Amino acid sequence: MESNAERIDKLNSLSGQILDSAIEVHRVLGGPGLLEVVYEEALAP
């Protein structure tokens, strides 16, 4: 069974990956001013 610290570490890692991906979308597609739908389409599986 995972400890709370292990779960927090996994969540922190996942959040970092999501933020890194959003920043990459912003860098590649341009910004500021991108609509939320652009990020939704670019980041959706």
N, C-alpha and C. Protein backbone atom coordinates (compact mmCIF):
# COMPACT_ATOMS: atom_id res chain seq x y z
N MET A 1 0.84 -1.18 0.00
CA MET A 1 0.00 0.00 0.00
C MET A 1 0.89 1.25 0.00
N GLU A 2 0.47 2.25 -0.79
CA GLU A 2 1.24 3.48 -0.89
C GLU A 2 1.01 4.37 0.32
N SER A 3 2.06 5.04 0.72
CA SER A 3 1.91 6.03 1.79
C SER A 3 1.42 7.34 1.18
N ASN A 4 0.98 8.22 2.05
CA ASN A 4 0.54 9.54 1.58
C ASN A 4 1.67 10.27 0.87
N ALA A 5 2.88 10.14 1.37
CA ALA A 5 4.03 10.81 0.75
C ALA A 5 4.25 10.30 -0.66
N GLU A 6 4.11 8.99 -0.87
CA GLU A 6 4.28 8.41 -2.21
C GLU A 6 3.20 8.91 -3.16
N ARG A 7 1.98 8.98 -2.68
CA ARG A 7 0.88 9.49 -3.52
C ARG A 7 1.10 10.95 -3.88
N ILE A 8 1.56 11.72 -2.92
CA ILE A 8 1.84 13.14 -3.18
C ILE A 8 2.96 13.28 -4.20
N ASP A 9 4.00 12.46 -4.07
CA ASP A 9 5.10 12.50 -5.05
C ASP A 9 4.60 12.18 -6.45
N LYS A 10 3.75 11.17 -6.58
CA LYS A 10 3.20 10.81 -7.90
C LYS A 10 2.35 11.94 -8.46
N LEU A 11 1.52 12.54 -7.61
CA LEU A 11 0.67 13.65 -8.07
C LEU A 11 1.52 14.85 -8.48
N ASN A 12 2.56 15.14 -7.72
CA ASN A 12 3.44 16.24 -8.08
C ASN A 12 4.13 15.99 -9.42
N SER A 13 4.55 14.77 -9.64
CA SER A 13 5.19 14.42 -10.91
C SER A 13 4.20 14.57 -12.07
N LEU A 14 3.00 14.06 -11.88
CA LEU A 14 1.97 14.18 -12.92
C LEU A 14 1.62 15.63 -13.20
N SER A 15 1.47 16.44 -12.14
CA SER A 15 1.16 17.86 -12.35
C SER A 15 2.27 18.56 -13.11
N GLY A 16 3.51 18.20 -12.81
CA GLY A 16 4.64 18.78 -13.53
C GLY A 16 4.61 18.43 -15.01
N GLN A 17 4.27 17.19 -15.32
CA GLN A 17 4.17 16.77 -16.72
C GLN A 17 3.06 17.53 -17.44
N ILE A 18 1.94 17.72 -16.77
CA ILE A 18 0.81 18.46 -17.38
C ILE A 18 1.20 19.91 -17.63
N LEU A 19 1.82 20.54 -16.64
CA LEU A 19 2.24 21.93 -16.82
C LEU A 19 3.30 22.07 -17.92
N ASP A 20 4.25 21.14 -17.94
CA ASP A 20 5.27 21.18 -19.00
C ASP A 20 4.63 21.06 -20.37
N SER A 21 3.62 20.19 -20.49
CA SER A 21 2.93 20.03 -21.77
C SER A 21 2.17 21.29 -22.16
N ALA A 22 1.51 21.90 -21.20
CA ALA A 22 0.77 23.14 -21.49
C ALA A 22 1.72 24.25 -21.92
N ILE A 23 2.87 24.33 -21.29
CA ILE A 23 3.86 25.34 -21.67
C ILE A 23 4.38 25.07 -23.08
N GLU A 24 4.57 23.81 -23.41
CA GLU A 24 5.02 23.45 -24.77
C GLU A 24 3.97 23.84 -25.81
N VAL A 25 2.70 23.59 -25.52
CA VAL A 25 1.62 24.01 -26.43
C VAL A 25 1.68 25.52 -26.62
N HIS A 26 1.82 26.24 -25.54
CA HIS A 26 1.89 27.70 -25.59
C HIS A 26 3.09 28.15 -26.42
N ARG A 27 4.23 27.50 -26.22
CA ARG A 27 5.45 27.88 -26.94
C ARG A 27 5.32 27.60 -28.44
N VAL A 28 4.78 26.43 -28.79
CA VAL A 28 4.72 26.02 -30.19
C VAL A 28 3.61 26.74 -30.95
N LEU A 29 2.43 26.85 -30.34
CA LEU A 29 1.29 27.43 -31.04
C LEU A 29 1.18 28.94 -30.87
N GLY A 30 1.92 29.49 -29.95
CA GLY A 30 1.89 30.93 -29.74
C GLY A 30 0.99 31.31 -28.61
N GLY A 31 1.11 32.49 -28.21
CA GLY A 31 0.32 33.01 -27.12
C GLY A 31 0.93 34.33 -26.74
N PRO A 32 0.41 35.08 -25.89
CA PRO A 32 -0.82 34.82 -25.13
C PRO A 32 -2.06 34.98 -26.01
N GLY A 33 -3.18 34.67 -25.45
CA GLY A 33 -4.42 34.87 -26.17
C GLY A 33 -5.02 33.60 -26.73
N LEU A 34 -4.37 32.45 -26.51
CA LEU A 34 -4.96 31.21 -26.99
C LEU A 34 -6.23 30.92 -26.19
N LEU A 35 -7.24 30.47 -26.88
CA LEU A 35 -8.46 30.10 -26.20
C LEU A 35 -8.27 28.76 -25.49
N GLU A 36 -9.04 28.55 -24.46
CA GLU A 36 -8.94 27.32 -23.69
C GLU A 36 -9.12 26.09 -24.57
N VAL A 37 -9.97 26.20 -25.58
CA VAL A 37 -10.24 25.05 -26.46
C VAL A 37 -8.96 24.59 -27.17
N VAL A 38 -8.03 25.50 -27.43
CA VAL A 38 -6.78 25.12 -28.08
C VAL A 38 -6.00 24.17 -27.18
N TYR A 39 -5.92 24.51 -25.90
CA TYR A 39 -5.23 23.65 -24.95
C TYR A 39 -5.97 22.32 -24.77
N GLU A 40 -7.29 22.37 -24.73
CA GLU A 40 -8.08 21.15 -24.58
C GLU A 40 -7.80 20.18 -25.73
N GLU A 41 -7.79 20.72 -26.94
CA GLU A 41 -7.54 19.86 -28.11
C GLU A 41 -6.10 19.35 -28.14
N ALA A 42 -5.16 20.20 -27.78
CA ALA A 42 -3.74 19.82 -27.86
C ALA A 42 -3.37 18.82 -26.76
N LEU A 43 -4.00 18.90 -25.60
CA LEU A 43 -3.61 18.07 -24.47
C LEU A 43 -4.48 16.84 -24.27
N ALA A 44 -5.61 16.76 -24.98
CA ALA A 44 -6.53 15.64 -24.80
C ALA A 44 -5.92 14.37 -25.39
N PRO A 45 -6.14 13.25 -24.73
CA PRO A 45 -5.61 11.99 -25.27
C PRO A 45 -6.38 11.55 -26.50
